[in-house]
Protein backbone atom coordinates (compact mmCIF):
# COMPACT_ATOMS: atom_id res chain seq x y z
CA MET A 1 34.37 145.89 -1.38
CA LEU A 2 36.37 143.21 0.69
CA LYS A 3 37.95 140.58 -1.30
CA LYS A 4 37.54 137.20 -0.12
CA VAL A 5 40.10 134.29 0.40
CA PHE A 6 39.86 131.06 1.95
CA LYS A 7 42.44 130.37 4.07
CA LYS A 8 43.21 128.42 7.42
CA THR A 9 46.39 129.72 8.26
CA LYS A 10 47.93 132.19 10.89
CA ILE A 11 48.34 135.62 9.89
CA ALA A 12 50.54 138.07 11.50
CA VAL A 13 48.80 140.64 13.49
CA ILE A 14 49.99 144.11 13.81
CA SER A 15 46.54 145.57 15.34
CA SER A 16 43.69 144.14 16.73
CA VAL A 17 41.14 144.71 19.23
CA LEU A 18 41.76 144.46 22.56
CA ALA A 19 38.25 143.55 23.59
CA MET A 20 38.58 140.44 21.57
CA PRO A 21 40.65 137.30 22.64
CA LEU A 22 43.67 137.89 20.20
CA LEU A 23 45.63 140.85 21.30
CA ALA A 24 48.41 143.11 19.22
CA GLN A 25 51.55 140.95 19.25
CA ALA A 26 53.67 143.70 17.24
CA ASP A 27 57.31 143.40 18.47
CA ASP A 28 58.70 144.10 15.15
CA ILE A 29 56.31 146.47 13.16
CA GLN A 30 57.98 148.64 10.79
CA TYR A 31 56.01 151.47 9.50
CA GLY A 32 59.13 153.63 8.06
CA ILE A 33 58.87 155.93 10.90
CA THR A 34 61.69 156.48 12.97
CA ALA A 35 60.73 156.16 16.90
CA PRO A 36 62.40 158.82 19.12
CA GLU A 37 65.30 157.71 21.44
CA LEU A 38 64.03 157.46 24.93
CA ASN A 39 66.49 157.22 28.06
CA ALA A 40 64.39 153.94 29.52
CA GLN A 41 65.22 150.39 30.02
CA THR A 42 62.00 149.60 28.21
CA TYR A 43 59.35 151.21 26.72
CA ILE A 44 56.00 150.93 24.44
CA LEU A 45 53.50 152.78 22.75
CA MET A 46 50.04 151.36 22.16
CA ASP A 47 47.09 152.73 20.46
CA TYR A 48 43.97 152.09 22.94
CA ASN A 49 41.39 151.43 20.28
CA SER A 50 43.21 149.33 17.79
CA GLY A 51 45.86 147.88 20.47
CA ALA A 52 48.37 148.69 17.45
CA VAL A 53 51.73 148.93 19.15
CA LEU A 54 53.48 151.89 17.33
CA ALA A 55 57.08 152.10 18.95
CA ALA A 56 58.64 149.67 21.42
CA LEU A 57 61.89 148.92 23.35
CA ASN A 58 62.32 145.41 24.88
CA PRO A 59 58.49 145.34 25.60
CA ASP A 60 58.57 142.17 27.06
CA GLN A 61 61.51 142.57 29.27
CA ARG A 62 60.72 141.66 33.00
CA GLN A 63 60.92 144.60 35.40
CA TYR A 64 60.38 145.35 38.86
CA PRO A 65 57.00 147.42 38.34
CA ALA A 66 57.21 149.28 41.83
CA SER A 67 53.89 151.03 42.02
CA LEU A 68 52.76 150.49 38.70
CA THR A 69 51.46 147.34 40.54
CA LYS A 70 48.86 149.31 42.23
CA MET A 71 47.04 149.72 38.80
CA MET A 72 46.30 145.98 39.04
CA THR A 73 45.15 146.57 42.89
CA SER A 74 42.87 149.48 41.62
CA TYR A 75 41.57 146.83 39.09
CA VAL A 76 40.59 144.50 41.80
CA VAL A 77 38.93 147.21 43.59
CA GLY A 78 37.21 148.69 40.98
CA ASP A 79 35.83 145.49 39.65
CA ALA A 80 34.46 144.91 43.25
CA LEU A 81 33.05 148.27 43.11
CA LYS A 82 31.29 147.35 39.70
CA GLN A 83 30.07 144.08 40.84
CA GLY A 84 28.53 145.45 44.15
CA LYS A 85 30.71 143.45 46.12
CA ILE A 86 31.96 146.53 47.94
CA HIS A 87 30.45 150.18 48.04
CA ASN A 88 32.02 153.51 48.26
CA THR A 89 30.34 154.25 51.62
CA ASP A 90 31.65 151.09 53.30
CA LEU A 91 33.66 151.91 56.41
CA VAL A 92 36.95 150.02 56.63
CA THR A 93 38.80 149.83 60.21
CA ILE A 94 42.56 150.34 60.19
CA GLY A 95 44.19 147.25 61.77
CA GLU A 96 48.35 146.76 62.43
CA SER A 97 48.97 145.36 59.10
CA SER A 98 47.37 148.71 57.24
CA TRP A 99 48.87 151.20 60.03
CA GLY A 100 51.03 153.90 58.24
CA LYS A 101 53.62 153.45 60.58
CA ASN A 102 54.41 150.27 59.08
CA PHE A 103 55.58 151.68 55.57
CA PRO A 104 58.36 154.14 56.96
CA GLY A 105 60.03 156.31 53.74
CA SER A 106 57.42 154.88 51.30
CA SER A 107 54.41 156.44 49.70
CA LYS A 108 51.57 156.23 51.89
CA MET A 109 47.86 158.37 52.86
CA PHE A 110 48.97 158.17 56.49
CA LEU A 111 46.27 155.96 57.76
CA ASN A 112 45.73 155.93 61.51
CA LEU A 113 45.16 152.52 63.76
CA ASN A 114 41.87 151.74 64.55
CA GLN A 115 40.41 154.62 62.19
CA GLN A 116 37.45 154.15 60.31
CA VAL A 117 38.03 154.98 56.67
CA SER A 118 35.69 154.85 53.33
CA VAL A 119 36.25 152.78 50.27
CA SER A 120 36.18 156.10 48.45
CA ASP A 121 38.92 157.50 50.28
CA LEU A 122 41.18 154.46 50.12
CA ASN A 123 40.72 154.07 46.80
CA ARG A 124 42.12 157.65 46.16
CA GLY A 125 44.79 156.76 48.77
CA ILE A 126 46.14 153.86 46.33
CA ILE A 127 45.23 155.74 42.88
CA VAL A 128 46.17 159.33 43.71
CA VAL A 129 48.83 159.42 46.05
CA SER A 130 49.83 155.88 45.70
CA GLY A 131 49.64 155.18 49.28
CA ASN A 132 51.13 151.47 50.48
CA ASP A 133 48.96 151.66 53.62
CA ALA A 134 45.65 151.94 51.35
CA CYS A 135 46.44 148.86 49.70
CA VAL A 136 46.55 146.92 52.35
CA ALA A 137 43.44 147.96 54.11
CA MET A 138 41.44 147.43 50.77
CA ALA A 139 43.05 144.16 50.18
CA GLU A 140 42.06 142.69 53.57
CA HIS A 141 38.54 144.55 53.59
CA ILE A 142 37.87 142.96 49.68
CA SER A 143 39.52 139.55 50.11
CA GLY A 144 40.21 138.67 54.06
CA SER A 145 44.03 138.76 53.58
CA GLU A 146 46.78 140.31 51.47
CA GLN A 147 47.48 136.84 50.03
CA ASN A 148 43.84 136.15 49.08
CA PHE A 149 43.86 139.56 47.02
CA ILE A 150 47.22 138.86 45.49
CA ASP A 151 45.71 135.61 44.01
CA ALA A 152 43.03 137.88 42.71
CA MET A 153 45.91 140.12 41.02
CA ASN A 154 47.45 137.11 39.19
CA LYS A 155 44.05 135.28 38.50
CA TYR A 156 43.06 138.86 36.41
CA ALA A 157 46.94 138.89 34.95
CA ALA A 158 46.11 135.33 33.38
CA GLN A 159 42.65 136.34 32.13
CA PHE A 160 44.47 139.60 30.36
CA GLY A 161 47.04 137.11 28.69
CA LEU A 162 49.66 138.66 30.32
CA LYS A 163 52.97 136.84 29.77
CA ASN A 164 55.53 138.60 31.84
CA THR A 165 53.67 139.89 34.79
CA HIS A 166 53.45 138.13 38.16
CA PHE A 167 52.67 139.56 41.70
CA THR A 168 53.70 139.22 44.97
CA THR A 169 52.48 142.24 47.10
CA VAL A 170 49.57 144.57 46.59
CA HIS A 171 51.68 147.77 46.67
CA GLY A 172 54.94 147.16 44.50
CA LEU A 173 57.81 147.23 46.94
CA ASP A 174 60.65 145.05 45.55
CA ASP A 175 60.39 141.45 45.70
CA ASP A 176 62.37 138.97 43.34
CA ASN A 177 59.13 137.08 42.61
CA GLN A 178 57.35 139.92 41.59
CA TYR A 179 57.61 141.60 37.78
CA SER A 180 55.90 142.87 34.80
CA SER A 181 56.58 144.42 31.54
CA SER A 182 55.84 147.47 29.44
CA ARG A 183 53.60 145.81 27.23
CA ASP A 184 51.53 143.96 30.21
CA MET A 185 51.21 147.22 31.96
CA ALA A 186 49.90 148.88 28.87
CA ILE A 187 47.23 146.43 28.33
CA ILE A 188 46.45 146.64 32.35
CA GLY A 189 45.98 150.13 31.52
CA ALA A 190 43.58 149.55 28.54
CA HIS A 191 41.32 146.84 30.71
CA ILE A 192 41.06 149.86 33.57
CA ILE A 193 39.97 152.41 30.66
CA ARG A 194 37.76 150.36 29.02
CA ASP A 195 36.29 147.79 31.75
CA LEU A 196 36.14 150.43 34.56
CA PRO A 197 35.47 154.05 33.42
CA GLU A 198 34.43 155.11 36.75
CA GLU A 199 37.66 153.76 38.37
CA TYR A 200 39.71 155.47 35.63
CA LYS A 201 38.14 159.07 36.10
CA ILE A 202 39.94 159.05 39.71
CA TYR A 203 43.47 158.70 38.03
CA ALA A 204 42.83 162.13 36.37
CA GLU A 205 42.68 163.82 39.90
CA LYS A 206 45.50 166.08 40.64
CA ASP A 207 45.43 165.84 44.60
CA PHE A 208 44.11 164.11 47.72
CA THR A 209 43.68 165.27 51.08
CA PHE A 210 43.52 163.02 53.84
CA ASN A 211 44.01 163.56 57.86
CA LYS A 212 44.14 167.22 56.98
CA ILE A 213 47.47 166.16 54.81
CA LYS A 214 47.21 167.27 51.18
CA GLN A 215 49.61 165.14 48.87
CA PRO A 216 49.78 165.52 44.84
CA ASN A 217 49.33 163.25 41.99
CA ARG A 218 52.79 161.80 41.33
CA ASN A 219 52.03 162.08 37.75
CA GLY A 220 53.07 165.64 36.43
CA LEU A 221 51.98 165.21 33.01
CA LEU A 222 48.51 165.79 34.23
CA TRP A 223 49.64 169.58 34.97
CA ASP A 224 50.88 169.89 31.12
CA LYS A 225 48.78 171.53 28.91
CA SER A 226 50.53 171.00 25.71
CA ILE A 227 49.36 167.07 25.81
CA ASN A 228 45.84 166.17 26.94
CA VAL A 229 47.10 163.20 29.74
CA ASP A 230 44.20 162.18 31.76
CA GLY A 231 45.93 159.09 33.80
CA MET A 232 47.50 157.01 34.99
CA LYS A 233 50.11 155.56 37.60
CA THR A 234 53.53 156.46 38.63
CA GLY A 235 56.30 154.16 40.32
CA HIS A 236 59.86 154.05 41.70
CA THR A 237 62.08 151.73 43.84
CA ASP A 238 65.83 151.69 43.78
CA LYS A 239 65.70 148.66 41.73
CA ALA A 240 63.05 149.50 39.46
CA GLY A 241 64.18 153.13 38.40
CA TYR A 242 61.42 155.26 37.67
CA ASN A 243 58.36 154.08 35.91
CA LEU A 244 55.37 155.99 34.11
CA VAL A 245 52.32 154.48 32.38
CA ALA A 246 50.36 157.71 30.87
CA SER A 247 47.18 157.80 28.69
CA ALA A 248 46.46 160.95 26.59
CA THR A 249 43.84 161.66 24.04
CA GLY A 250 44.30 163.55 20.82
CA ASN A 251 43.45 163.42 16.48
CA GLY A 252 39.96 163.33 17.60
CA ASN A 253 39.05 159.98 19.25
CA MET A 254 42.59 158.60 19.26
CA ARG A 255 44.01 157.43 22.54
CA LEU A 256 47.45 156.40 23.26
CA ILE A 257 48.96 154.43 26.25
CA SER A 258 52.50 154.95 26.97
CA VAL A 259 54.82 152.96 29.43
CA VAL A 260 58.13 153.75 30.08
CA MET A 261 60.19 151.68 32.86
CA GLY A 262 64.05 152.01 34.26
CA VAL A 263 64.34 155.81 33.25
CA PRO A 264 67.03 157.08 35.89
CA THR A 265 65.45 160.47 37.02
CA TYR A 266 62.09 161.48 38.60
CA LYS A 267 61.84 164.07 35.58
CA GLY A 268 62.88 162.01 33.29
CA ARG A 269 60.02 159.77 33.15
CA GLU A 270 57.60 162.56 32.16
CA VAL A 271 60.23 163.78 29.62
CA GLU A 272 60.47 160.59 28.08
CA SER A 273 56.47 159.73 27.97
CA LYS A 274 55.76 163.02 26.83
CA LYS A 275 58.13 162.58 23.86
CA LEU A 276 56.59 159.12 22.93
CA LEU A 277 53.04 160.45 23.28
CA GLN A 278 53.80 163.63 21.18
CA TRP A 279 55.57 161.59 18.39
CA GLY A 280 52.73 159.10 18.53
CA PHE A 281 50.11 161.82 17.76
CA ALA A 282 52.11 163.70 15.14
CA ASN A 283 52.66 160.48 13.16
CA PHE A 284 49.74 158.33 13.32
CA GLU A 285 46.02 158.75 13.41
CA THR A 286 43.19 155.73 14.36
CA PHE A 287 39.80 155.24 12.34
CA LYS A 288 37.28 153.01 12.70
CA ALA A 289 37.62 149.90 10.47
CA LEU A 290 34.08 147.96 10.87
CA GLU A 291 31.15 149.18 12.68
CA ALA A 292 29.55 146.95 15.23
CA GLY A 293 26.40 145.28 13.94
CA LYS A 294 26.81 146.20 10.35
CA ALA A 295 27.58 143.22 8.11
CA VAL A 296 30.43 143.21 5.98
CA SER A 297 29.50 139.85 4.32
CA GLU A 298 27.15 137.17 3.92
CA GLN A 299 28.04 133.52 3.58
CA SER A 300 26.31 130.33 2.77
CA VAL A 301 25.91 128.00 5.90
CA TYR A 302 25.40 124.09 5.16
CA TYR A 303 23.49 121.85 7.88
CA GLY A 304 21.65 124.68 9.61
CA ASN A 305 18.18 126.08 10.04
CA SER A 306 19.04 128.90 8.05
CA GLY A 307 21.12 128.78 4.66
CA LYS A 308 22.72 132.15 4.98
CA VAL A 309 24.26 134.19 7.85
CA GLN A 310 25.86 137.61 8.02
CA LEU A 311 29.43 138.15 9.08
CA GLY A 312 30.74 141.26 10.75
CA VAL A 313 31.73 142.53 14.28
CA LEU A 314 29.92 142.75 17.56
CA GLN A 315 31.95 145.72 18.44
CA ASP A 316 33.45 148.49 16.52
CA ALA A 317 37.09 147.52 15.24
CA PHE A 318 39.72 150.02 14.70
CA ILE A 319 43.06 150.05 13.17
CA THR A 320 45.93 152.42 13.40
CA LEU A 321 47.99 153.79 10.25
CA PRO A 322 50.57 156.40 9.58
CA LYS A 323 49.01 160.08 8.88
CA GLY A 324 47.35 160.42 5.46
CA ARG A 325 47.63 156.74 4.67
CA GLN A 326 43.76 155.45 4.87
CA ALA A 327 42.95 155.95 1.25
CA ASP A 328 45.84 153.37 0.49
CA VAL A 329 44.64 150.72 2.78
CA LYS A 330 43.07 147.46 1.08
CA ALA A 331 41.14 144.86 2.95
CA ARG A 332 40.16 141.13 2.13
CA TYR A 333 38.52 138.82 4.09
CA GLU A 334 39.74 135.19 5.11
CA LEU A 335 37.31 132.40 6.46
CA GLU A 336 38.80 129.65 8.41
CA GLN A 337 36.96 126.89 6.47
CA LYS A 338 35.81 127.16 2.70
CA TYR A 339 32.39 125.97 3.68
CA LEU A 340 30.46 127.22 7.05
CA GLN A 341 28.53 124.63 8.87
CA ALA A 342 25.80 124.55 11.44
CA PRO A 343 25.54 125.13 14.33
CA LEU A 344 27.36 128.44 14.63
CA ALA A 345 26.94 130.82 17.73
CA LYS A 346 26.57 134.67 17.59
CA GLY A 347 29.91 136.05 18.10
CA GLN A 348 31.77 133.05 16.88
CA VAL A 349 35.06 133.59 15.03
CA VAL A 350 34.88 132.26 11.69
CA GLY A 351 37.74 134.33 10.24
CA GLN A 352 39.39 137.59 9.81
CA VAL A 353 39.20 140.98 7.92
CA VAL A 354 42.97 141.40 6.66
CA TYR A 355 44.27 145.14 6.18
CA GLN A 356 47.00 145.72 3.62
CA LEU A 357 49.62 148.61 3.27
CA GLU A 358 51.90 148.48 0.31
CA GLY A 359 51.60 145.06 0.05
CA LYS A 360 52.05 144.07 3.61
CA ASP A 361 49.65 142.81 6.29
CA ILE A 362 49.21 145.70 8.83
CA ALA A 363 46.20 144.74 10.95
CA LYS A 364 43.71 141.89 11.41
CA VAL A 365 40.29 142.00 12.96
CA ASN A 366 38.20 138.92 14.03
CA LEU A 367 35.39 138.24 11.66
CA GLN A 368 32.27 136.96 13.49
CA VAL A 369 28.82 135.44 13.06
CA MET A 370 26.32 138.16 13.56
CA GLU A 371 23.19 135.84 14.42
CA GLU A 372 23.15 132.05 15.80
CA VAL A 373 22.37 129.48 13.15
CA SER A 374 21.21 126.17 14.36
CA GLU A 375 21.27 122.92 13.10
CA GLY A 376 18.53 122.09 10.53
CA GLY A 377 16.29 119.27 10.18
CA PHE A 378 17.20 115.45 8.77
CA PHE A 379 16.13 115.88 5.34
CA GLY A 380 17.82 119.62 5.18
CA LYS A 381 20.89 118.56 6.49
CA ALA A 382 21.11 115.33 4.07
CA TRP A 383 20.37 117.58 0.95
CA ASP A 384 23.25 119.94 2.39
CA TRP A 385 25.46 116.97 2.64
CA LEU A 386 24.66 116.10 -0.92
CA VAL A 387 25.42 119.53 -1.93
CA LEU A 388 28.75 119.70 -0.43
CA THR A 389 29.93 116.32 -1.85
CA VAL A 390 29.04 117.69 -5.36
CA LYS A 391 30.97 120.81 -4.52
CA SER A 392 33.94 118.71 -3.38
CA LEU A 393 33.93 116.78 -6.64
CA PHE A 394 34.27 119.64 -8.59
CA GLY A 395 36.81 121.70 -6.35
């Protein structure tokens, strides 16, 4: 049974639901479990379902993202496919700007001038073999120019609430005004997995052949049978070092996203990522705290066409805990206002469910209105005014 508390103050968030407006902000989480030492300038380990940050080092430090940039390029492409703006069978004519010869010494899918290439192949050229030429070709096909496409990338970054990310290229080659952070990259990864499941499937493909040239996916963890990694993206430049975003499943339906940036060696980014993911699965578990559509509380509503409203969540809500501690968690809910007043929209956030372990708040989930409540008639509203006036007199 949830304990009710009336409060109108902010609560420290340790985990939350990524799909909701409030994301996990967990720089200083202390679970009492020592994280592994990693040879990286910055890293983060995030639970996909709850948004809980299990371990982090300098997670908001701005870094050169290198080809991790292509995750946002991929998001723009995948969203255009999802909306029907483009189709996998569309043919793109390769122009001067996307010709493979324009990218000497960097990763590419070896596009030829005036060649016609399908959107499907170009998308794999971006995701699987990290082709800079493919990024430019898709950007021009979707947005008319690279700059228009970059503007779309930054628009999504703003929508995702990314505070330390700005793109100036579609491919990730170093630019002093282009940066991201391990936290922001984890959030981009989560959005790809959640919003674009068909796009995410491509991240698991181990190789891609184009123009009779077969290239492997540079994410070596896809071949590691000791851990179930099914994506995401590598990156490297001289300024960035070696970067890797990886996502893996385990412990039932648990999914973790790791990001390591600024690792000194090619193989090291895989070693450090695997170390982080295995540590997470060994020490934590994620469970469904609230079920979508299932009310956790019924509250009185004033000035409405209904006197009661049910509160809950419209999407399943998850929390992440140290292994074996689920039975020790306590929960309470806190309403933003002591008395709910119409009108109330379906999905409107009116409070939080707060989870506590060992006397500390460890997670928060937004409490939502389960159905719309419109304003009531004149006489009903007058009566409710009288009721609330009396209640206020007696505290």
